[in-house]
Amino acid sequence: MKIYCVGGAIRDELLGLPVKDRDWVVVGATPETLLAQGYTPVGKDFPVFLHPRSHEEYALARTERKTAPGYAGFVFHTAADVTLEEDLARRDLTINAIARDDDGVLVDPYGGRRDLESRVFRHVSPAFAEDPVRILRLARFAARFADFTVAPETLELMRAMVAAGEVDALVPERVWQELARGLMEARPARMIQVLRDCGALARLLPEVDRLFGVPQPLQYHPEGDTGAHMLMVLDRAAADGLALPGRLACLLHDLGKGVTPADVLPHHYGHEAASERLARDVCQRLKCPVDCRDLALMMAREHGIVHQGQVLRAETMVKLIERCDGLRRPERFVALLDACACDYRGRSTYEARPYPQRERLLAALAAVRGVDAGAVARGVADKARIPVEVHAARVAAVRQLEGRGVSEGDAAGDAGEGRGVCPEETR
């Protein structure tokens, strides 16, 4: 029996990166051998065991055979005569097919070290095409390792997999799992770009794929293309350290621009309502967690009005906060403002511009939350008027915060109230 450390741990060590988890392959053993040494079996599809002291995972060397479409249609074979090279051959990329023995000697039969040095993602063998999850994994690795490129032959193989319908066999839960992990990497836009390059984005997220090639006004969007803008917003969200709900919101916030009628291009007036509808479709299809779904829908619907934050009257700001349930969920309202700031700065030459809308709306939120609704209610004789009076007290608190009474703007109203119509510069 011989034990090797394999996969991502070796890759990250060679790249000089911290290692989070270690995987081990056992060659020349049977399940009975490991059981006799105190290992605990945990694998369902093939023999995987937990080490009796470290509790790290040890898998018996194995080969696999494709038996059905999709990522679950495999039969695994483990035996004491399966070699390390045979086990490594079933792995996805050469950079993940490197092993190290107990003496520190590297085993690299498929050129993984060469591809690490060249910063290339390359498939180990044609067996890559048998598992469509590998497309998602490679795209996720592209978001993590931003200076790597996809080998031309690997990209062609991925395209062939998409054309053969392999991606269509992926279940929503697995797509979401890989998408969520990729969104949390340093350059999530690269994941979306790789999926688009191989054609998988059009099958998995057609609503996002439709954004590419859709024009925007160059004077306010120097990048010109709605898809390019979305990628910049997504990377801005990563740079600003947004949590997963905020990053998903940035990915989905402009979906309506992909279906905007030609007579309103390139300004996309009214795209927010369509964005909310399409974002809801995506979240339902992928079975996204509730917190991710709710923030994505909120940003799709409200980002236009939030961008007006510097000119909104007090009445409109209070309505926005109430509509977003900011009193009960202030942390989600803050997350909305942070995502909107990424939307504003996610365009060429806007990266370092201030976003004072965030500070003004945060101050309004604090003023609204400072109103004692119970005290207001106790002073109202007609109970039917309590909601009206509480709302009025909140508006008064915001006006007082800004040191003004009923301004000319408050009296006249603002044309964009509640409809997400934003000044051209902030679209």
Protein backbone atom coordinates (compact mmCIF):
# COMPACT_ATOMS: atom_id res chain seq x y z
CA MET A 1 0.00 0.00 0.00
CA LYS A 2 1.25 3.48 -0.92
CA ILE A 3 -0.34 6.84 -0.17
CA TYR A 4 -0.09 10.02 -2.27
CA CYS A 5 -1.26 13.58 -1.70
CA VAL A 6 -3.01 14.66 -4.92
CA GLY A 7 -4.87 17.40 -6.71
CA GLY A 8 -5.52 20.92 -5.53
CA ALA A 9 -3.19 20.79 -2.53
CA ILE A 10 -0.19 20.02 -4.76
CA ARG A 11 -1.29 22.61 -7.31
CA ASP A 12 -1.57 25.34 -4.70
CA GLU A 13 1.74 24.41 -3.07
CA LEU A 14 3.51 24.72 -6.42
CA LEU A 15 1.83 28.09 -6.98
CA GLY A 16 2.95 29.28 -3.55
CA LEU A 17 -0.64 29.55 -2.30
CA PRO A 18 -1.99 28.47 1.08
CA VAL A 19 -3.45 24.96 1.15
CA LYS A 20 -6.90 24.61 2.69
CA ASP A 21 -7.66 20.91 2.23
CA ARG A 22 -5.61 17.89 1.31
CA ASP A 23 -6.86 14.88 -0.64
CA TRP A 24 -5.13 11.53 -0.58
CA VAL A 25 -5.12 8.54 -2.91
CA VAL A 26 -4.29 5.06 -1.68
CA VAL A 27 -2.72 2.67 -4.19
CA GLY A 28 -2.38 -1.09 -3.70
CA ALA A 29 -5.05 -1.47 -1.03
CA THR A 30 -8.60 -2.71 -0.60
CA PRO A 31 -11.43 -1.42 1.59
CA GLU A 32 -10.68 -4.21 4.04
CA THR A 33 -7.08 -3.03 4.33
CA LEU A 34 -8.14 0.46 5.39
CA LEU A 35 -10.89 -0.78 7.70
CA ALA A 36 -8.37 -2.96 9.48
CA GLN A 37 -6.21 0.14 10.08
CA GLY A 38 -9.04 2.09 11.68
CA TYR A 39 -10.21 4.20 8.73
CA THR A 40 -13.92 5.12 8.65
CA PRO A 41 -15.84 4.60 5.37
CA VAL A 42 -17.82 7.64 4.12
CA GLY A 43 -18.01 7.27 0.33
CA LYS A 44 -21.31 6.40 -1.31
CA ASP A 45 -20.37 5.98 -4.98
CA PHE A 46 -16.81 4.74 -4.42
CA PRO A 47 -14.64 3.89 -1.40
CA VAL A 48 -13.58 7.00 0.52
CA PHE A 49 -12.35 6.78 4.09
CA LEU A 50 -11.56 9.21 6.91
CA HIS A 51 -8.15 8.89 8.51
CA PRO A 52 -8.47 7.70 12.14
CA ARG A 53 -6.52 10.71 13.50
CA SER A 54 -6.46 13.56 10.96
CA HIS A 55 -9.97 12.81 9.61
CA GLU A 56 -8.78 13.81 6.13
CA GLU A 57 -10.26 11.96 3.17
CA TYR A 58 -8.42 9.01 1.68
CA ALA A 59 -9.79 7.50 -1.54
CA LEU A 60 -8.80 4.22 -3.10
CA ALA A 61 -7.24 4.63 -6.54
CA ARG A 62 -9.98 4.19 -9.09
CA THR A 63 -10.96 4.36 -12.74
CA GLU A 64 -14.36 5.24 -14.14
CA ARG A 65 -16.56 4.41 -17.10
CA LYS A 66 -19.27 6.61 -18.65
CA THR A 67 -22.67 4.87 -18.64
CA ALA A 68 -25.24 7.66 -19.14
CA PRO A 69 -25.50 11.35 -20.12
CA GLY A 70 -24.74 14.03 -17.56
CA TYR A 71 -22.40 14.16 -14.62
CA ALA A 72 -23.90 11.29 -12.61
CA GLY A 73 -23.72 8.56 -15.24
CA PHE A 74 -20.51 6.81 -14.19
CA VAL A 75 -19.47 3.42 -12.90
CA PHE A 76 -16.34 3.44 -10.73
CA HIS A 77 -13.83 0.64 -10.44
CA THR A 78 -11.47 0.30 -7.49
CA ALA A 79 -8.99 -2.51 -7.01
CA ALA A 80 -5.55 -3.03 -5.56
CA ASP A 81 -4.07 -3.17 -9.07
CA VAL A 82 -5.31 0.29 -10.17
CA THR A 83 -2.19 2.43 -10.63
CA LEU A 84 -1.65 6.03 -9.61
CA GLU A 85 -1.27 7.03 -13.26
CA GLU A 86 -4.65 5.47 -14.06
CA ASP A 87 -6.24 7.35 -11.18
CA LEU A 88 -4.70 10.67 -12.24
CA ALA A 89 -5.82 10.11 -15.84
CA ARG A 90 -9.48 10.46 -14.82
CA ARG A 91 -8.95 13.95 -13.37
CA ASP A 92 -10.10 17.09 -15.13
CA LEU A 93 -7.06 19.32 -15.68
CA THR A 94 -3.36 18.61 -15.85
CA ILE A 95 -2.70 21.07 -13.03
CA ASN A 96 -4.96 18.94 -10.82
CA ALA A 97 -3.35 15.65 -11.86
CA ILE A 98 -0.10 15.95 -9.90
CA ALA A 99 0.69 13.75 -6.89
CA ARG A 100 3.38 13.67 -4.20
CA ASP A 101 4.52 10.60 -2.27
CA ASP A 102 5.63 10.35 1.36
CA ASP A 103 9.21 11.19 0.36
CA GLY A 104 8.18 14.42 -1.33
CA VAL A 105 8.71 13.11 -4.85
CA LEU A 106 6.26 14.55 -7.38
CA VAL A 107 4.47 12.29 -9.84
CA ASP A 108 3.38 14.31 -12.88
CA PRO A 109 2.59 12.03 -15.83
CA TYR A 110 0.45 14.55 -17.75
CA GLY A 111 2.51 17.75 -17.71
CA GLY A 112 0.76 19.58 -14.91
CA ARG A 113 3.89 21.43 -13.73
CA ARG A 114 4.56 22.64 -17.26
CA ASP A 115 1.01 24.00 -17.52
CA LEU A 116 1.30 25.67 -14.11
CA GLU A 117 4.41 27.48 -15.33
CA SER A 118 2.68 28.42 -18.60
CA ARG A 119 -0.51 29.42 -16.76
CA VAL A 120 -2.70 27.15 -18.93
CA PHE A 121 -5.83 25.16 -18.20
CA ARG A 122 -5.54 21.93 -20.22
CA HIS A 123 -7.64 18.78 -19.99
CA VAL A 124 -5.85 15.57 -19.05
CA SER A 125 -7.57 13.30 -21.58
CA PRO A 126 -10.65 13.06 -23.82
CA ALA A 127 -12.47 11.70 -20.75
CA PHE A 128 -12.90 15.36 -19.75
CA ALA A 129 -15.85 15.43 -22.15
CA GLU A 130 -17.74 12.81 -20.16
CA ASP A 131 -18.52 15.12 -17.22
CA PRO A 132 -20.19 18.50 -17.92
CA VAL A 133 -19.47 19.70 -14.36
CA ARG A 134 -15.90 20.05 -15.52
CA ILE A 135 -16.92 22.99 -17.70
CA LEU A 136 -18.25 24.75 -14.62
CA ARG A 137 -15.18 23.83 -12.59
CA LEU A 138 -12.80 25.15 -15.24
CA ALA A 139 -14.77 28.39 -15.45
CA ARG A 140 -14.60 28.68 -11.67
CA PHE A 141 -10.84 28.10 -11.73
CA ALA A 142 -10.57 30.91 -14.30
CA ALA A 143 -12.19 33.24 -11.76
CA ARG A 144 -9.66 32.15 -9.13
CA PHE A 145 -6.51 32.06 -11.25
CA ALA A 146 -6.93 35.25 -13.26
CA ASP A 147 -3.65 34.94 -15.18
CA PHE A 148 -4.44 31.49 -16.62
CA THR A 149 -5.81 30.93 -20.11
CA VAL A 150 -7.76 28.00 -21.53
CA ALA A 151 -5.80 25.81 -23.95
CA PRO A 152 -7.33 26.05 -27.45
CA GLU A 153 -7.89 22.30 -27.65
CA THR A 154 -9.64 22.32 -24.28
CA LEU A 155 -11.90 25.17 -25.32
CA GLU A 156 -12.82 23.29 -28.49
CA LEU A 157 -13.62 20.20 -26.44
CA MET A 158 -15.86 22.26 -24.16
CA ARG A 159 -17.69 23.66 -27.17
CA ALA A 160 -18.22 20.14 -28.49
CA MET A 161 -19.64 19.11 -25.11
CA VAL A 162 -22.12 21.99 -25.21
CA ALA A 163 -23.12 21.12 -28.77
CA ALA A 164 -23.66 17.50 -27.73
CA GLY A 165 -26.12 18.57 -25.04
CA GLU A 166 -24.00 17.49 -22.06
CA VAL A 167 -24.54 20.83 -20.29
CA ASP A 168 -28.31 20.41 -20.57
CA ALA A 169 -28.10 17.36 -18.29
CA LEU A 170 -26.78 19.41 -15.33
CA VAL A 171 -29.21 19.68 -12.43
CA PRO A 172 -29.96 23.19 -11.08
CA GLU A 173 -28.50 22.48 -7.65
CA ARG A 174 -25.08 21.62 -9.12
CA VAL A 175 -25.10 24.63 -11.44
CA TRP A 176 -25.87 26.91 -8.51
CA GLN A 177 -23.20 25.28 -6.35
CA GLU A 178 -20.46 25.94 -8.90
CA LEU A 179 -21.80 29.36 -9.87
CA ALA A 180 -21.91 30.49 -6.24
CA ARG A 181 -18.35 29.34 -5.63
CA GLY A 182 -17.16 31.11 -8.76
CA LEU A 183 -18.92 34.33 -7.82
CA MET A 184 -16.95 34.37 -4.58
CA GLU A 185 -13.59 34.20 -6.35
CA ALA A 186 -11.35 37.22 -6.97
CA ARG A 187 -12.36 37.70 -10.64
CA PRO A 188 -15.87 36.28 -11.09
CA ALA A 189 -16.24 37.98 -14.47
CA ARG A 190 -13.75 35.52 -15.91
CA MET A 191 -16.04 32.63 -15.02
CA ILE A 192 -18.87 34.24 -16.98
CA GLN A 193 -16.54 34.97 -19.91
CA VAL A 194 -15.24 31.39 -20.10
CA LEU A 195 -18.80 30.02 -19.99
CA ARG A 196 -19.69 32.38 -22.81
CA ASP A 197 -16.62 31.50 -24.87
CA CYS A 198 -17.56 27.81 -24.91
CA GLY A 199 -21.30 28.41 -25.44
CA ALA A 200 -22.38 27.13 -22.03
CA LEU A 201 -23.63 30.52 -20.82
CA ALA A 202 -26.35 30.57 -23.48
CA ARG A 203 -27.60 27.22 -22.22
CA LEU A 204 -27.27 27.80 -18.48
CA LEU A 205 -27.97 31.54 -18.18
CA PRO A 206 -29.47 32.72 -21.48
CA GLU A 207 -30.75 35.87 -19.77
CA VAL A 208 -27.16 36.88 -18.98
CA ASP A 209 -25.82 35.80 -22.37
CA ARG A 210 -28.30 38.11 -24.12
CA LEU A 211 -26.66 41.17 -22.56
CA PHE A 212 -23.59 40.88 -24.78
CA GLY A 213 -23.80 42.99 -27.90
CA VAL A 214 -26.56 45.20 -26.47
CA PRO A 215 -25.45 48.87 -26.78
CA GLN A 216 -25.48 51.56 -24.10
CA PRO A 217 -24.86 55.33 -24.43
CA LEU A 218 -21.12 55.82 -24.86
CA GLN A 219 -21.09 59.15 -23.07
CA TYR A 220 -22.12 57.41 -19.86
CA HIS A 221 -20.91 53.88 -20.59
CA PRO A 222 -17.51 54.15 -22.30
CA GLU A 223 -17.42 50.34 -22.45
CA GLY A 224 -20.48 50.60 -24.72
CA ASP A 225 -21.70 47.03 -24.32
CA THR A 226 -24.19 45.97 -21.63
CA GLY A 227 -22.48 42.62 -21.17
CA ALA A 228 -19.09 44.27 -20.74
CA HIS A 229 -20.62 46.61 -18.15
CA MET A 230 -22.08 43.66 -16.23
CA LEU A 231 -18.67 41.98 -16.11
CA MET A 232 -17.09 45.16 -14.77
CA VAL A 233 -19.81 45.48 -12.12
CA LEU A 234 -19.24 41.87 -11.09
CA ASP A 235 -15.50 42.32 -10.65
CA ARG A 236 -16.14 45.59 -8.80
CA ALA A 237 -18.35 43.66 -6.37
CA ALA A 238 -15.52 41.20 -5.77
CA ALA A 239 -12.98 43.97 -5.29
CA ASP A 240 -15.28 45.63 -2.75
CA GLY A 241 -15.73 42.36 -0.87
CA LEU A 242 -19.49 41.98 -1.34
CA ALA A 243 -21.09 38.84 0.05
CA LEU A 244 -22.69 36.26 -2.25
CA PRO A 245 -26.18 37.90 -2.37
CA GLY A 246 -24.62 41.17 -3.49
CA ARG A 247 -22.53 39.52 -6.17
CA LEU A 248 -25.51 37.62 -7.57
CA ALA A 249 -27.48 40.88 -7.57
CA CYS A 250 -24.72 42.53 -9.59
CA LEU A 251 -24.78 39.66 -12.09
CA LEU A 252 -28.56 39.84 -12.62
CA HIS A 253 -29.42 43.51 -12.11
CA ASP A 254 -29.54 44.57 -15.78
CA LEU A 255 -31.16 41.53 -17.40
CA GLY A 256 -34.00 43.65 -18.74
CA LYS A 257 -31.62 45.45 -21.08
CA GLY A 258 -31.31 42.23 -23.04
CA VAL A 259 -35.01 42.33 -23.94
CA THR A 260 -35.54 46.09 -24.20
CA PRO A 261 -37.52 46.97 -27.35
CA ALA A 262 -35.45 48.44 -30.14
CA ASP A 263 -37.36 51.75 -30.07
CA VAL A 264 -35.98 52.61 -26.60
CA LEU A 265 -32.37 51.61 -27.22
CA PRO A 266 -29.74 52.54 -26.21
CA HIS A 267 -31.21 54.21 -23.10
CA HIS A 268 -33.24 51.18 -21.93
CA TYR A 269 -35.97 53.19 -20.23
CA GLY A 270 -38.08 50.99 -17.96
CA HIS A 271 -35.71 48.04 -18.03
CA GLU A 272 -35.91 47.60 -14.24
CA ALA A 273 -39.30 45.84 -14.29
CA ALA A 274 -38.11 43.40 -16.95
CA SER A 275 -34.88 42.87 -15.00
CA GLU A 276 -36.83 41.92 -11.88
CA ARG A 277 -38.99 39.45 -13.80
CA LEU A 278 -36.01 37.79 -15.48
CA ALA A 279 -33.98 37.70 -12.27
CA ARG A 280 -36.89 35.93 -10.60
CA ASP A 281 -36.91 33.35 -13.41
CA VAL A 282 -33.17 32.71 -12.97
CA CYS A 283 -33.40 32.37 -9.20
CA GLN A 284 -36.33 29.97 -9.42
CA ARG A 285 -34.61 27.88 -12.07
CA LEU A 286 -31.35 27.60 -10.12
CA LYS A 287 -33.12 27.25 -6.76
CA CYS A 288 -31.05 30.06 -5.27
CA PRO A 289 -31.15 30.63 -1.50
CA VAL A 290 -33.82 33.07 -0.34
CA ASP A 291 -31.36 35.78 0.75
CA CYS A 292 -29.66 35.72 -2.66
CA ARG A 293 -32.98 35.79 -4.51
CA ASP A 294 -34.46 38.64 -2.46
CA LEU A 295 -31.50 40.97 -2.88
CA ALA A 296 -31.22 40.18 -6.59
CA LEU A 297 -34.88 41.07 -7.16
CA MET A 298 -34.59 44.20 -5.05
CA MET A 299 -31.57 45.49 -6.93
CA ALA A 300 -33.10 44.70 -10.31
CA ARG A 301 -36.20 46.67 -9.35
CA GLU A 302 -34.67 49.55 -7.39
CA HIS A 303 -31.19 50.30 -8.72
CA GLY A 304 -32.45 53.11 -10.93
CA ILE A 305 -34.15 54.98 -8.09
CA VAL A 306 -31.18 54.39 -5.77
CA HIS A 307 -28.91 56.01 -8.34
CA GLN A 308 -31.06 59.15 -7.95
CA GLY A 309 -30.25 59.24 -4.25
CA GLN A 310 -28.73 62.72 -4.38
CA VAL A 311 -31.86 64.36 -5.80
CA LEU A 312 -34.69 62.36 -4.26
CA ARG A 313 -37.09 64.21 -2.00
CA ALA A 314 -37.64 62.99 1.55
CA GLU A 315 -41.02 61.46 0.71
CA THR A 316 -39.49 59.32 -2.01
CA MET A 317 -36.58 58.16 0.12
CA VAL A 318 -38.95 57.04 2.87
CA LYS A 319 -41.10 55.16 0.37
CA LEU A 320 -37.98 53.46 -0.99
CA ILE A 321 -36.88 52.40 2.49
CA GLU A 322 -40.35 51.12 3.36
CA ARG A 323 -40.69 49.30 0.05
CA CYS A 324 -37.36 47.56 0.66
CA ASP A 325 -38.33 46.64 4.23
CA GLY A 326 -35.37 48.67 5.43
CA LEU A 327 -36.79 49.12 8.92
CA ARG A 328 -36.87 45.39 9.65
CA ARG A 329 -33.97 44.44 7.38
CA PRO A 330 -31.53 47.38 7.51
CA GLU A 331 -28.55 45.15 6.71
CA ARG A 332 -30.17 44.11 3.42
CA PHE A 333 -30.85 47.75 2.53
CA VAL A 334 -27.17 48.50 3.14
CA ALA A 335 -26.27 45.54 0.91
CA LEU A 336 -28.52 47.02 -1.80
CA LEU A 337 -26.69 50.35 -1.60
CA ASP A 338 -23.32 48.62 -1.76
CA ALA A 339 -24.35 46.67 -4.85
CA CYS A 340 -25.67 49.84 -6.49
CA ALA A 341 -22.35 51.55 -5.82
CA CYS A 342 -20.67 48.69 -7.71
CA ASP A 343 -23.13 49.18 -10.56
CA TYR A 344 -22.24 52.87 -10.75
CA ARG A 345 -18.49 52.32 -10.59
CA GLY A 346 -18.53 49.29 -12.88
CA ARG A 347 -17.77 51.21 -16.06
CA SER A 348 -14.69 52.64 -17.70
CA THR A 349 -13.30 55.78 -15.99
CA TYR A 350 -15.90 55.58 -13.18
CA GLU A 351 -13.93 53.22 -10.94
CA ALA A 352 -12.76 55.86 -8.44
CA ARG A 353 -15.74 58.22 -8.60
CA PRO A 354 -17.60 58.96 -5.35
CA TYR A 355 -21.08 57.57 -4.82
CA PRO A 356 -22.69 60.02 -2.36
CA GLN A 357 -26.11 58.44 -2.93
CA ARG A 358 -25.10 55.71 -0.51
CA GLU A 359 -24.30 58.08 2.35
CA ARG A 360 -27.46 60.15 1.87
CA LEU A 361 -29.72 57.11 1.81
CA LEU A 362 -27.95 55.60 4.80
CA ALA A 363 -28.55 58.82 6.73
CA ALA A 364 -32.20 58.72 5.70
CA LEU A 365 -32.44 55.12 6.87
CA ALA A 366 -31.01 56.05 10.26
CA ALA A 367 -33.50 58.92 10.58
CA VAL A 368 -36.44 56.70 9.66
CA ARG A 369 -35.39 54.00 12.09
CA GLY A 370 -35.10 56.61 14.81
CA VAL A 371 -38.83 57.37 14.68
CA ASP A 372 -40.77 55.82 17.57
CA ALA A 373 -43.71 54.37 15.69
CA GLY A 374 -45.39 53.28 18.92
CA ALA A 375 -45.31 56.76 20.35
CA VAL A 376 -46.75 58.17 17.13
CA ALA A 377 -49.52 55.57 17.16
CA ARG A 378 -50.50 56.37 20.75
CA GLY A 379 -51.05 59.99 19.80
CA VAL A 380 -53.45 59.21 16.94
CA ALA A 381 -57.16 59.08 17.81
CA ASP A 382 -58.28 57.59 14.51
CA LYS A 383 -56.52 54.23 14.40
CA ALA A 384 -57.10 53.93 10.68
CA ARG A 385 -54.73 56.86 10.23
CA ILE A 386 -51.84 55.30 12.17
CA PRO A 387 -49.92 54.08 9.07
CA VAL A 388 -50.34 57.51 7.45
CA GLU A 389 -49.13 59.37 10.52
CA VAL A 390 -46.18 57.04 11.09
CA HIS A 391 -45.13 57.50 7.48
CA ALA A 392 -45.49 61.27 7.84
CA ALA A 393 -43.33 61.23 10.98
CA ARG A 394 -40.63 59.35 9.09
CA VAL A 395 -40.71 61.87 6.25
CA ALA A 396 -40.49 64.71 8.77
CA ALA A 397 -37.48 63.04 10.40
CA VAL A 398 -35.64 62.88 7.09
CA ARG A 399 -36.47 66.51 6.32
CA GLN A 400 -35.27 67.56 9.75
CA LEU A 401 -32.07 65.61 9.27
CA GLU A 402 -31.32 67.64 6.18
CA GLY A 403 -32.29 70.90 7.86
CA ARG A 404 -35.28 71.82 5.78
CA GLY A 405 -39.01 71.81 5.84
CA VAL A 406 -41.22 71.11 2.86
CA SER A 407 -38.94 72.08 -0.01
CA GLU A 408 -39.99 73.15 -3.46
CA GLY A 409 -38.97 69.70 -4.70
CA ASP A 410 -41.11 68.02 -2.04
CA ALA A 411 -44.11 70.12 -2.94
CA ALA A 412 -43.74 69.48 -6.66
CA GLY A 413 -42.94 65.80 -6.34
CA ASP A 414 -40.37 64.03 -8.43
CA ALA A 415 -41.11 62.37 -11.71
CA GLY A 416 -39.05 59.29 -11.00
CA GLU A 417 -40.69 58.35 -7.72
CA GLY A 418 -41.05 54.62 -7.36
CA ARG A 419 -40.55 53.95 -11.04
CA GLY A 420 -36.78 53.55 -11.26
CA VAL A 421 -36.33 56.30 -13.86
CA CYS A 422 -32.79 57.52 -13.34
CA PRO A 423 -30.67 60.33 -14.77
CA GLU A 424 -28.81 59.24 -17.88
CA GLU A 425 -25.41 59.29 -16.22
CA THR A 426 -26.41 56.65 -13.68
CA ARG A 427 -28.18 54.17 -15.95
